Amino acid sequence: MFQNNPIPVTANHTNPLTNICCNPDPYMIFHDGWYYCYSTGYHDVNVLRSKTIENFEHMGFALSVENQLSYWAPAVIFYKGMFYMYYSSNTTCETNPDTEFLKVAVADNPLGPFEYKKTFFKEFTIDADVIVKDDELYLFYCADVHTGDKIGTRIFLDKLLDPFTPEGNPREVIAPSMEQEIYARDRFGDGRDW
């Protein structure tokens, strides 16, 4: 349920977020003795906080950008003294969900407010996760591929030169490969299954 989950979960552990309404795509970090959970939101990015991971309190909204909506799957890292939120969103005038683009926002507090800094791509990109390894940053994200035998959403990996700059050499790490992964048959009316 959590990406990059910092919490050891035992088999008898119950999920404390199942009783909280409307917090899809949760992403959690642990910082200075607190658990912070961020989630998808239509108008804003929700943020919850807990000392024990058992009782989360809604702390408001960590990110809200003028003329943006449909904040999708926020992922937050703490890196060199700042918090970076990677998320996708749409403009308020756009009705096509395929125009959600991956962005980054920054804050000096895990509760925010996060300030939008940059849009990474001008194509459908969602579900970011940034991994810090040996002080280097790696960006995982999903993007649509419309060519080849198996079209659909795939997972890519690219190194980040800094928290705002992809290297520009993405590698595909997961692609559709099985019949069971078909989301929509003949999605575009040309015989290609998505």
N, C-alpha and C. Protein backbone atom coordinates (compact mmCIF):
# COMPACT_ATOMS: atom_id res chain seq x y z
N MET A 1 0.81 -1.19 0.00
CA MET A 1 0.00 0.00 0.00
C MET A 1 0.85 1.26 0.00
N PHE A 2 2.00 1.25 0.67
CA PHE A 2 2.86 2.42 0.70
C PHE A 2 4.05 2.18 -0.21
N GLN A 3 4.41 3.19 -0.99
CA GLN A 3 5.62 3.10 -1.77
C GLN A 3 6.77 3.53 -0.87
N ASN A 4 7.92 2.89 -1.04
CA ASN A 4 9.10 3.28 -0.28
C ASN A 4 8.78 3.28 1.21
N ASN A 5 8.09 2.25 1.66
CA ASN A 5 7.55 2.19 3.02
C ASN A 5 8.67 2.06 4.05
N PRO A 6 8.79 3.06 4.96
CA PRO A 6 9.86 3.00 5.95
C PRO A 6 9.49 2.18 7.19
N ILE A 7 8.32 1.59 7.23
CA ILE A 7 7.81 0.97 8.44
C ILE A 7 7.84 -0.55 8.32
N PRO A 8 8.47 -1.25 9.26
CA PRO A 8 8.39 -2.70 9.23
C PRO A 8 6.96 -3.14 9.59
N VAL A 9 6.34 -3.90 8.72
CA VAL A 9 4.96 -4.32 8.92
C VAL A 9 4.94 -5.81 9.25
N THR A 10 4.30 -6.18 10.33
CA THR A 10 4.18 -7.59 10.68
C THR A 10 2.87 -8.13 10.17
N ALA A 11 2.75 -9.45 10.13
CA ALA A 11 1.56 -10.09 9.57
C ALA A 11 0.30 -9.74 10.36
N ASN A 12 0.42 -9.50 11.67
CA ASN A 12 -0.77 -9.20 12.46
C ASN A 12 -1.04 -7.71 12.58
N HIS A 13 -0.28 -6.88 11.87
CA HIS A 13 -0.47 -5.43 11.91
C HIS A 13 -1.71 -5.05 11.09
N THR A 14 -2.57 -4.23 11.64
CA THR A 14 -3.74 -3.77 10.89
C THR A 14 -3.45 -2.41 10.29
N ASN A 15 -4.02 -2.14 9.16
CA ASN A 15 -3.79 -0.91 8.43
C ASN A 15 -4.56 0.24 9.07
N PRO A 16 -3.89 1.23 9.66
CA PRO A 16 -4.59 2.31 10.33
C PRO A 16 -5.30 3.26 9.38
N LEU A 17 -4.97 3.22 8.11
CA LEU A 17 -5.58 4.15 7.17
C LEU A 17 -6.89 3.65 6.58
N THR A 18 -7.25 2.40 6.85
CA THR A 18 -8.48 1.88 6.26
C THR A 18 -9.72 2.55 6.84
N ASN A 19 -9.61 3.16 8.00
CA ASN A 19 -10.75 3.85 8.59
C ASN A 19 -10.78 5.33 8.26
N ILE A 20 -9.83 5.81 7.48
CA ILE A 20 -9.80 7.21 7.09
C ILE A 20 -10.38 7.32 5.69
N CYS A 21 -11.36 8.17 5.52
CA CYS A 21 -12.06 8.30 4.24
C CYS A 21 -11.24 9.10 3.24
N CYS A 22 -11.29 8.67 2.03
CA CYS A 22 -10.83 9.48 0.89
C CYS A 22 -9.36 9.83 0.93
N ASN A 23 -8.49 8.87 1.09
CA ASN A 23 -7.05 9.11 1.02
C ASN A 23 -6.40 8.09 0.08
N PRO A 24 -6.73 8.17 -1.20
CA PRO A 24 -6.16 7.20 -2.14
C PRO A 24 -4.69 7.46 -2.41
N ASP A 25 -3.99 6.45 -2.85
CA ASP A 25 -2.58 6.51 -3.22
C ASP A 25 -1.71 7.07 -2.10
N PRO A 26 -1.82 6.53 -0.88
CA PRO A 26 -1.04 7.09 0.22
C PRO A 26 0.46 6.85 0.06
N TYR A 27 1.23 7.83 0.48
CA TYR A 27 2.69 7.74 0.47
C TYR A 27 3.17 8.27 1.82
N MET A 28 3.99 7.51 2.51
CA MET A 28 4.36 7.86 3.87
C MET A 28 5.86 8.05 4.01
N ILE A 29 6.22 9.03 4.85
CA ILE A 29 7.61 9.22 5.25
C ILE A 29 7.66 9.29 6.78
N PHE A 30 8.83 9.06 7.33
CA PHE A 30 9.05 9.20 8.76
C PHE A 30 10.10 10.28 8.93
N HIS A 31 9.77 11.33 9.72
CA HIS A 31 10.72 12.43 9.89
C HIS A 31 10.57 13.01 11.29
N ASP A 32 11.68 13.13 11.99
CA ASP A 32 11.73 13.72 13.34
C ASP A 32 10.67 13.15 14.28
N GLY A 33 10.51 11.82 14.25
CA GLY A 33 9.61 11.16 15.18
C GLY A 33 8.14 11.16 14.78
N TRP A 34 7.82 11.64 13.59
CA TRP A 34 6.43 11.67 13.11
C TRP A 34 6.32 10.92 11.79
N TYR A 35 5.18 10.26 11.59
CA TYR A 35 4.82 9.68 10.30
C TYR A 35 3.95 10.69 9.57
N TYR A 36 4.29 10.97 8.33
CA TYR A 36 3.50 11.87 7.49
C TYR A 36 2.98 11.08 6.31
N CYS A 37 1.71 11.21 6.04
CA CYS A 37 1.09 10.48 4.94
C CYS A 37 0.44 11.48 3.99
N TYR A 38 0.81 11.39 2.72
CA TYR A 38 0.29 12.27 1.67
C TYR A 38 -0.59 11.43 0.76
N SER A 39 -1.63 12.04 0.17
CA SER A 39 -2.50 11.25 -0.69
C SER A 39 -3.11 12.09 -1.81
N THR A 40 -3.58 11.38 -2.82
CA THR A 40 -4.24 11.98 -3.97
C THR A 40 -5.42 12.83 -3.51
N GLY A 41 -5.62 13.95 -4.21
CA GLY A 41 -6.77 14.80 -3.93
C GLY A 41 -7.18 15.55 -5.18
N TYR A 42 -8.44 15.92 -5.25
CA TYR A 42 -8.93 16.62 -6.45
C TYR A 42 -8.47 18.08 -6.45
N HIS A 43 -8.64 18.78 -5.33
CA HIS A 43 -8.28 20.19 -5.26
C HIS A 43 -6.94 20.45 -4.59
N ASP A 44 -6.45 19.50 -3.79
CA ASP A 44 -5.24 19.67 -3.00
C ASP A 44 -4.62 18.31 -2.71
N VAL A 45 -3.42 18.33 -2.12
CA VAL A 45 -2.79 17.12 -1.62
C VAL A 45 -3.00 17.07 -0.11
N ASN A 46 -3.70 16.04 0.37
CA ASN A 46 -3.93 15.85 1.79
C ASN A 46 -2.63 15.49 2.49
N VAL A 47 -2.52 15.90 3.77
CA VAL A 47 -1.41 15.43 4.59
C VAL A 47 -1.97 15.05 5.96
N LEU A 48 -1.58 13.86 6.42
CA LEU A 48 -1.97 13.37 7.75
C LEU A 48 -0.69 13.14 8.55
N ARG A 49 -0.82 13.14 9.88
CA ARG A 49 0.35 12.98 10.72
C ARG A 49 0.02 12.08 11.90
N SER A 50 1.00 11.27 12.33
CA SER A 50 0.82 10.39 13.47
C SER A 50 2.15 10.15 14.17
N LYS A 51 2.12 10.07 15.49
CA LYS A 51 3.32 9.71 16.26
C LYS A 51 3.49 8.20 16.30
N THR A 52 2.38 7.46 16.22
CA THR A 52 2.43 6.02 16.47
C THR A 52 2.06 5.17 15.27
N ILE A 53 1.66 5.73 14.19
CA ILE A 53 1.13 5.09 12.99
C ILE A 53 -0.23 4.44 13.23
N GLU A 54 -0.81 4.66 14.36
CA GLU A 54 -2.13 4.10 14.66
C GLU A 54 -3.24 5.12 14.56
N ASN A 55 -2.98 6.36 14.89
CA ASN A 55 -4.02 7.38 14.89
C ASN A 55 -3.55 8.59 14.10
N PHE A 56 -3.95 8.65 12.86
CA PHE A 56 -3.56 9.76 12.01
C PHE A 56 -4.52 10.93 12.17
N GLU A 57 -3.95 12.13 12.18
CA GLU A 57 -4.73 13.35 12.25
C GLU A 57 -4.57 14.10 10.94
N HIS A 58 -5.69 14.54 10.36
CA HIS A 58 -5.62 15.33 9.13
C HIS A 58 -5.06 16.70 9.47
N MET A 59 -3.95 17.07 8.82
CA MET A 59 -3.27 18.32 9.13
C MET A 59 -3.56 19.41 8.10
N GLY A 60 -4.43 19.11 7.16
CA GLY A 60 -4.75 20.09 6.13
C GLY A 60 -4.22 19.64 4.79
N PHE A 61 -3.75 20.61 4.02
CA PHE A 61 -3.32 20.32 2.66
C PHE A 61 -1.89 20.80 2.47
N ALA A 62 -1.06 19.92 1.98
CA ALA A 62 0.36 20.22 1.81
C ALA A 62 0.64 20.97 0.53
N LEU A 63 -0.24 20.82 -0.47
CA LEU A 63 -0.01 21.45 -1.77
C LEU A 63 -1.33 21.82 -2.41
N SER A 64 -1.39 23.04 -2.89
CA SER A 64 -2.51 23.52 -3.70
C SER A 64 -1.95 24.59 -4.62
N VAL A 65 -2.11 24.42 -5.91
CA VAL A 65 -1.54 25.34 -6.88
C VAL A 65 -2.67 25.96 -7.69
N GLU A 66 -2.63 27.26 -7.85
CA GLU A 66 -3.65 27.95 -8.62
C GLU A 66 -3.73 27.38 -10.04
N ASN A 67 -4.94 27.18 -10.52
CA ASN A 67 -5.23 26.65 -11.86
C ASN A 67 -4.81 25.19 -12.04
N GLN A 68 -4.65 24.45 -10.94
CA GLN A 68 -4.33 23.03 -11.02
C GLN A 68 -5.39 22.23 -10.26
N LEU A 69 -5.62 20.99 -10.70
CA LEU A 69 -6.50 20.07 -9.99
C LEU A 69 -6.09 18.65 -10.31
N SER A 70 -6.75 17.70 -9.66
CA SER A 70 -6.45 16.27 -9.83
C SER A 70 -5.00 15.96 -9.49
N TYR A 71 -4.63 16.21 -8.24
CA TYR A 71 -3.28 15.92 -7.77
C TYR A 71 -3.17 14.41 -7.55
N TRP A 72 -2.29 13.78 -8.29
CA TRP A 72 -2.26 12.32 -8.36
C TRP A 72 -1.00 11.77 -7.72
N ALA A 73 -1.18 10.83 -6.79
CA ALA A 73 -0.11 9.99 -6.23
C ALA A 73 1.13 10.78 -5.81
N PRO A 74 1.01 11.67 -4.83
CA PRO A 74 2.19 12.42 -4.39
C PRO A 74 3.20 11.52 -3.67
N ALA A 75 4.47 11.76 -3.95
CA ALA A 75 5.57 11.05 -3.28
C ALA A 75 6.53 12.10 -2.75
N VAL A 76 6.92 11.97 -1.48
CA VAL A 76 7.74 13.00 -0.84
C VAL A 76 9.05 12.39 -0.35
N ILE A 77 10.15 13.11 -0.57
CA ILE A 77 11.44 12.72 -0.02
C ILE A 77 12.02 13.91 0.76
N PHE A 78 12.85 13.61 1.73
CA PHE A 78 13.63 14.62 2.44
C PHE A 78 15.05 14.49 1.94
N TYR A 79 15.59 15.55 1.36
CA TYR A 79 16.90 15.48 0.73
C TYR A 79 17.64 16.80 0.96
N LYS A 80 18.79 16.72 1.60
CA LYS A 80 19.66 17.88 1.85
C LYS A 80 18.90 19.05 2.47
N GLY A 81 18.08 18.71 3.50
CA GLY A 81 17.43 19.74 4.28
C GLY A 81 16.11 20.26 3.75
N MET A 82 15.64 19.74 2.62
CA MET A 82 14.37 20.19 2.04
C MET A 82 13.49 18.98 1.72
N PHE A 83 12.18 19.24 1.65
CA PHE A 83 11.21 18.22 1.26
C PHE A 83 10.81 18.46 -0.19
N TYR A 84 10.82 17.38 -0.97
CA TYR A 84 10.46 17.44 -2.38
C TYR A 84 9.26 16.55 -2.61
N MET A 85 8.22 17.11 -3.20
CA MET A 85 7.02 16.34 -3.52
C MET A 85 6.95 16.16 -5.04
N TYR A 86 6.86 14.91 -5.46
CA TYR A 86 6.71 14.56 -6.86
C TYR A 86 5.27 14.11 -7.05
N TYR A 87 4.57 14.69 -7.99
CA TYR A 87 3.13 14.44 -8.17
C TYR A 87 2.75 14.76 -9.62
N SER A 88 1.57 14.37 -10.00
CA SER A 88 1.02 14.75 -11.30
C SER A 88 -0.25 15.53 -11.07
N SER A 89 -0.56 16.42 -11.99
CA SER A 89 -1.80 17.18 -11.91
C SER A 89 -2.19 17.67 -13.29
N ASN A 90 -3.39 18.21 -13.34
CA ASN A 90 -3.98 18.74 -14.56
C ASN A 90 -4.24 20.22 -14.39
N THR A 91 -4.44 20.95 -15.47
CA THR A 91 -4.89 22.33 -15.35
C THR A 91 -6.40 22.33 -15.17
N THR A 92 -6.93 23.37 -14.56
CA THR A 92 -8.36 23.43 -14.27
C THR A 92 -9.20 23.44 -15.54
N CYS A 93 -8.65 23.88 -16.67
CA CYS A 93 -9.45 23.95 -17.91
C CYS A 93 -9.37 22.65 -18.71
N GLU A 94 -8.57 21.69 -18.27
CA GLU A 94 -8.39 20.44 -19.02
C GLU A 94 -9.31 19.35 -18.50
N THR A 95 -10.00 18.67 -19.41
CA THR A 95 -10.89 17.57 -19.01
C THR A 95 -10.32 16.21 -19.36
N ASN A 96 -9.26 16.17 -20.12
CA ASN A 96 -8.65 14.91 -20.54
C ASN A 96 -7.68 14.43 -19.46
N PRO A 97 -7.95 13.28 -18.81
CA PRO A 97 -7.03 12.80 -17.77
C PRO A 97 -5.66 12.41 -18.31
N ASP A 98 -5.53 12.22 -19.63
CA ASP A 98 -4.24 11.86 -20.21
C ASP A 98 -3.29 13.05 -20.29
N THR A 99 -3.72 14.21 -19.79
CA THR A 99 -2.83 15.37 -19.79
C THR A 99 -2.27 15.65 -18.40
N GLU A 100 -2.27 14.65 -17.54
CA GLU A 100 -1.61 14.79 -16.24
C GLU A 100 -0.11 14.64 -16.47
N PHE A 101 0.63 15.64 -15.98
CA PHE A 101 2.08 15.67 -16.18
C PHE A 101 2.79 15.67 -14.84
N LEU A 102 3.92 14.99 -14.77
CA LEU A 102 4.72 14.89 -13.56
C LEU A 102 5.38 16.22 -13.23
N LYS A 103 5.28 16.60 -11.94
CA LYS A 103 5.80 17.87 -11.46
C LYS A 103 6.56 17.66 -10.15
N VAL A 104 7.25 18.73 -9.71
CA VAL A 104 7.93 18.72 -8.41
C VAL A 104 7.63 20.03 -7.69
N ALA A 105 7.43 19.91 -6.37
CA ALA A 105 7.22 21.07 -5.50
C ALA A 105 8.13 20.92 -4.29
N VAL A 106 8.44 22.02 -3.61
CA VAL A 106 9.43 22.03 -2.53
C VAL A 106 8.87 22.73 -1.30
N ALA A 107 9.28 22.24 -0.12
CA ALA A 107 8.92 22.88 1.15
C ALA A 107 10.05 22.66 2.14
N ASP A 108 10.09 23.50 3.17
CA ASP A 108 11.07 23.30 4.24
C ASP A 108 10.43 22.63 5.46
N ASN A 109 9.15 22.24 5.33
CA ASN A 109 8.39 21.60 6.40
C ASN A 109 7.60 20.45 5.80
N PRO A 110 7.54 19.28 6.43
CA PRO A 110 6.79 18.16 5.84
C PRO A 110 5.29 18.44 5.71
N LEU A 111 4.77 19.40 6.48
CA LEU A 111 3.36 19.77 6.36
C LEU A 111 3.11 20.75 5.23
N GLY A 112 4.17 21.28 4.65
CA GLY A 112 4.04 22.27 3.61
C GLY A 112 3.96 23.66 4.20
N PRO A 113 3.52 24.64 3.44
CA PRO A 113 3.02 24.44 2.08
C PRO A 113 4.15 24.17 1.09
N PHE A 114 3.91 23.22 0.20
CA PHE A 114 4.85 22.93 -0.87
C PHE A 114 4.61 23.95 -1.99
N GLU A 115 5.70 24.38 -2.60
CA GLU A 115 5.62 25.36 -3.69
C GLU A 115 6.02 24.68 -5.00
N TYR A 116 5.13 24.77 -5.99
CA TYR A 116 5.41 24.21 -7.32
C TYR A 116 6.69 24.82 -7.87
N LYS A 117 7.54 23.95 -8.45
CA LYS A 117 8.79 24.43 -9.03
C LYS A 117 8.94 24.11 -10.51
N LYS A 118 8.52 22.90 -10.92
CA LYS A 118 8.83 22.51 -12.30
C LYS A 118 7.92 21.38 -12.78
N THR A 119 7.61 21.39 -14.07
CA THR A 119 6.95 20.28 -14.74
C THR A 119 8.03 19.51 -15.50
N PHE A 120 8.09 18.19 -15.26
CA PHE A 120 9.15 17.39 -15.87
C PHE A 120 8.91 17.08 -17.34
N PHE A 121 7.68 16.69 -17.67
CA PHE A 121 7.39 16.22 -19.03
C PHE A 121 6.13 16.90 -19.55
N LYS A 122 5.98 16.94 -20.85
CA LYS A 122 4.76 17.46 -21.49
C LYS A 122 4.00 16.31 -22.12
N GLU A 123 4.03 15.16 -21.45
CA GLU A 123 3.27 13.99 -21.86
C GLU A 123 2.76 13.32 -20.60
N PHE A 124 1.76 12.46 -20.74
CA PHE A 124 1.15 11.79 -19.60
C PHE A 124 2.22 11.05 -18.80
N THR A 125 2.40 11.47 -17.55
CA THR A 125 3.35 10.85 -16.64
C THR A 125 2.79 10.93 -15.23
N ILE A 126 2.77 9.79 -14.54
CA ILE A 126 2.18 9.71 -13.20
C ILE A 126 3.01 8.79 -12.31
N ASP A 127 2.57 8.66 -11.06
CA ASP A 127 3.06 7.65 -10.11
C ASP A 127 4.57 7.70 -9.91
N ALA A 128 5.07 8.88 -9.60
CA ALA A 128 6.51 9.03 -9.37
C ALA A 128 6.94 8.41 -8.05
N ASP A 129 8.17 7.98 -7.99
CA ASP A 129 8.83 7.58 -6.77
C ASP A 129 10.31 7.90 -6.95
N VAL A 130 10.89 8.64 -6.02
CA VAL A 130 12.30 9.00 -6.10
C VAL A 130 13.04 8.25 -5.01
N ILE A 131 14.10 7.58 -5.41
CA ILE A 131 14.93 6.80 -4.51
C ILE A 131 16.28 7.51 -4.37
N VAL A 132 16.75 7.64 -3.13
CA VAL A 132 18.08 8.18 -2.88
C VAL A 132 19.00 7.01 -2.56
N LYS A 133 20.05 6.85 -3.36
CA LYS A 133 21.01 5.77 -3.15
C LYS A 133 22.41 6.34 -3.33
N ASP A 134 23.23 6.18 -2.30
CA ASP A 134 24.60 6.71 -2.34
C ASP A 134 24.61 8.19 -2.72
N ASP A 135 23.66 8.94 -2.16
CA ASP A 135 23.52 10.38 -2.37
C ASP A 135 23.18 10.75 -3.82
N GLU A 136 22.73 9.78 -4.58
CA GLU A 136 22.26 10.06 -5.94
C GLU A 136 20.77 9.78 -5.99
N LEU A 137 20.07 10.51 -6.86
CA LEU A 137 18.62 10.42 -6.97
C LEU A 137 18.22 9.66 -8.23
N TYR A 138 17.21 8.80 -8.08
CA TYR A 138 16.69 8.02 -9.20
C TYR A 138 15.17 8.17 -9.23
N LEU A 139 14.64 8.49 -10.39
CA LEU A 139 13.22 8.74 -10.57
C LEU A 139 12.56 7.57 -11.29
N PHE A 140 11.60 6.94 -10.62
CA PHE A 140 10.71 5.97 -11.25
C PHE A 140 9.42 6.69 -11.58
N TYR A 141 8.83 6.42 -12.74
CA TYR A 141 7.56 7.04 -13.10
C TYR A 141 6.87 6.20 -14.17
N CYS A 142 5.59 6.44 -14.35
CA CYS A 142 4.81 5.74 -15.37
C CYS A 142 4.52 6.68 -16.54
N ALA A 143 4.60 6.14 -17.74
CA ALA A 143 4.28 6.89 -18.96
C ALA A 143 3.61 5.96 -19.95
N ASP A 144 2.80 6.53 -20.82
CA ASP A 144 2.10 5.73 -21.84
C ASP A 144 2.98 5.54 -23.07
N VAL A 145 2.91 4.34 -23.64
CA VAL A 145 3.61 4.02 -24.89
C VAL A 145 2.55 3.57 -25.88
N HIS A 146 2.49 4.24 -27.03
CA HIS A 146 1.45 3.97 -28.03
C HIS A 146 1.97 3.21 -29.24
N THR A 147 3.21 2.74 -29.21
CA THR A 147 3.78 2.00 -30.34
C THR A 147 4.17 0.60 -29.90
N GLY A 148 4.35 -0.29 -30.87
CA GLY A 148 4.77 -1.65 -30.58
C GLY A 148 3.60 -2.61 -30.43
N ASP A 149 3.94 -3.86 -30.13
CA ASP A 149 2.93 -4.91 -30.02
C ASP A 149 2.03 -4.73 -28.80
N LYS A 150 2.60 -4.33 -27.71
CA LYS A 150 1.83 -4.19 -26.47
C LYS A 150 1.88 -2.73 -26.03
N ILE A 151 0.81 -2.00 -26.33
CA ILE A 151 0.75 -0.61 -25.94
C ILE A 151 0.19 -0.50 -24.53
N GLY A 152 0.47 0.61 -23.87
CA GLY A 152 -0.05 0.80 -22.53
C GLY A 152 0.88 1.60 -21.66
N THR A 153 0.56 1.66 -20.39
CA THR A 153 1.35 2.40 -19.43
C THR A 153 2.50 1.52 -18.95
N ARG A 154 3.69 2.09 -18.94
CA ARG A 154 4.89 1.37 -18.55
C ARG A 154 5.64 2.14 -17.47
N ILE A 155 6.52 1.45 -16.77
CA ILE A 155 7.31 2.09 -15.73
C ILE A 155 8.73 2.33 -16.25
N PHE A 156 9.20 3.56 -16.03
CA PHE A 156 10.53 3.97 -16.48
C PHE A 156 11.37 4.41 -15.29
N LEU A 157 12.68 4.39 -15.49
CA LEU A 157 13.65 4.83 -14.49
C LEU A 157 14.63 5.77 -15.16
N ASP A 158 14.87 6.92 -14.53
CA ASP A 158 15.88 7.85 -15.02
C ASP A 158 16.62 8.42 -13.81
N LYS A 159 17.88 8.65 -13.97
CA LYS A 159 18.66 9.30 -12.92
C LYS A 159 18.30 10.79 -12.89
N LEU A 160 18.27 11.37 -11.69
CA LEU A 160 18.09 12.81 -11.56
C LEU A 160 19.45 13.45 -11.31
N LEU A 161 19.77 14.50 -12.05
CA LEU A 161 21.02 15.22 -11.85
C LEU A 161 20.94 16.07 -10.59
N ASP A 162 19.74 16.50 -10.25
CA ASP A 162 19.41 17.19 -9.02
C ASP A 162 17.91 16.95 -8.82
N PRO A 163 17.28 17.43 -7.75
CA PRO A 163 15.87 17.10 -7.54
C PRO A 163 14.92 17.60 -8.63
N PHE A 164 15.42 18.46 -9.55
CA PHE A 164 14.57 19.07 -10.57
C PHE A 164 14.90 18.65 -12.00
N THR A 165 15.97 17.87 -12.20
CA THR A 165 16.47 17.66 -13.56
C THR A 165 16.71 16.19 -13.89
N PRO A 166 15.81 15.57 -14.68
CA PRO A 166 16.10 14.21 -15.14
C PRO A 166 17.30 14.21 -16.10
N GLU A 167 18.08 13.15 -16.03
CA GLU A 167 19.24 13.03 -16.91
C GLU A 167 18.82 12.98 -18.38
N GLY A 168 17.63 12.42 -18.65
CA GLY A 168 17.16 12.34 -20.03
C GLY A 168 17.48 11.02 -20.70
N ASN A 169 17.84 10.00 -19.92
CA ASN A 169 18.13 8.67 -20.45
C ASN A 169 17.24 7.64 -19.76
N PRO A 170 15.91 7.75 -19.94
CA PRO A 170 15.03 6.82 -19.24
C PRO A 170 15.18 5.39 -19.74
N ARG A 171 15.09 4.46 -18.80
CA ARG A 171 15.11 3.03 -19.13
C ARG A 171 13.76 2.45 -18.76
N GLU A 172 13.21 1.67 -19.64
CA GLU A 172 11.95 0.98 -19.35
C GLU A 172 12.26 -0.19 -18.42
N VAL A 173 11.57 -0.25 -17.28
CA VAL A 173 11.85 -1.32 -16.33
C VAL A 173 10.69 -2.30 -16.19
N ILE A 174 9.47 -1.87 -16.51
CA ILE A 174 8.33 -2.80 -16.51
C ILE A 174 7.43 -2.45 -17.68
N ALA A 175 7.11 -3.48 -18.48
CA ALA A 175 6.24 -3.30 -19.65
C ALA A 175 5.15 -4.37 -19.63
N PRO A 176 4.02 -4.11 -20.30
CA PRO A 176 2.97 -5.13 -20.38
C PRO A 176 3.52 -6.39 -21.04
N SER A 177 3.17 -7.55 -20.49
CA SER A 177 3.72 -8.79 -21.04
C SER A 177 2.74 -9.95 -21.04
N MET A 178 1.57 -9.80 -20.39
CA MET A 178 0.64 -10.92 -20.26
C MET A 178 -0.77 -10.51 -20.67
N GLU A 179 -1.54 -11.48 -21.09
CA GLU A 179 -2.93 -11.29 -21.45
C GLU A 179 -3.74 -10.71 -20.28
N GLN A 180 -3.41 -11.13 -19.07
CA GLN A 180 -4.16 -10.68 -17.88
C GLN A 180 -3.97 -9.19 -17.60
N GLU A 181 -3.00 -8.57 -18.22
CA GLU A 181 -2.74 -7.15 -17.98
C GLU A 181 -3.55 -6.23 -18.89
N ILE A 182 -4.33 -6.78 -19.80
CA ILE A 182 -5.11 -5.95 -20.71
C ILE A 182 -6.17 -5.18 -19.93
N TYR A 183 -6.12 -3.86 -20.09
CA TYR A 183 -7.05 -2.96 -19.42
C TYR A 183 -8.28 -2.72 -20.30
N ALA A 184 -8.05 -2.51 -21.61
CA ALA A 184 -9.16 -2.25 -22.55
C ALA A 184 -8.82 -2.86 -23.90
N ARG A 185 -9.68 -3.75 -24.35
CA ARG A 185 -9.47 -4.35 -25.67
C ARG A 185 -9.87 -3.35 -26.76
N ASP A 186 -9.08 -3.35 -27.83
CA ASP A 186 -9.36 -2.48 -28.99
C ASP A 186 -9.63 -1.04 -28.54
N ARG A 187 -8.79 -0.53 -27.68
CA ARG A 187 -9.03 0.77 -27.05
C ARG A 187 -9.20 1.92 -28.05
N PHE A 188 -8.47 1.89 -29.14
CA PHE A 188 -8.52 2.99 -30.10
C PHE A 188 -9.25 2.62 -31.39
N GLY A 189 -9.92 1.46 -31.39
CA GLY A 189 -10.68 1.04 -32.56
C GLY A 189 -9.83 0.55 -33.71
N ASP A 190 -8.56 0.25 -33.46
CA ASP A 190 -7.67 -0.22 -34.52
C ASP A 190 -7.12 -1.62 -34.21
N GLY A 191 -7.75 -2.31 -33.26
CA GLY A 191 -7.35 -3.68 -32.92
C GLY A 191 -6.30 -3.79 -31.83
N ARG A 192 -5.74 -2.68 -31.40
CA ARG A 192 -4.70 -2.72 -30.35
C ARG A 192 -5.35 -2.74 -28.97
N ASP A 193 -4.90 -3.71 -28.15
CA ASP A 193 -5.37 -3.80 -26.78
C ASP A 193 -4.47 -2.96 -25.88
N TRP A 194 -5.06 -2.28 -24.93
CA TRP A 194 -4.31 -1.43 -24.00
C TRP A 194 -4.02 -2.23 -22.73
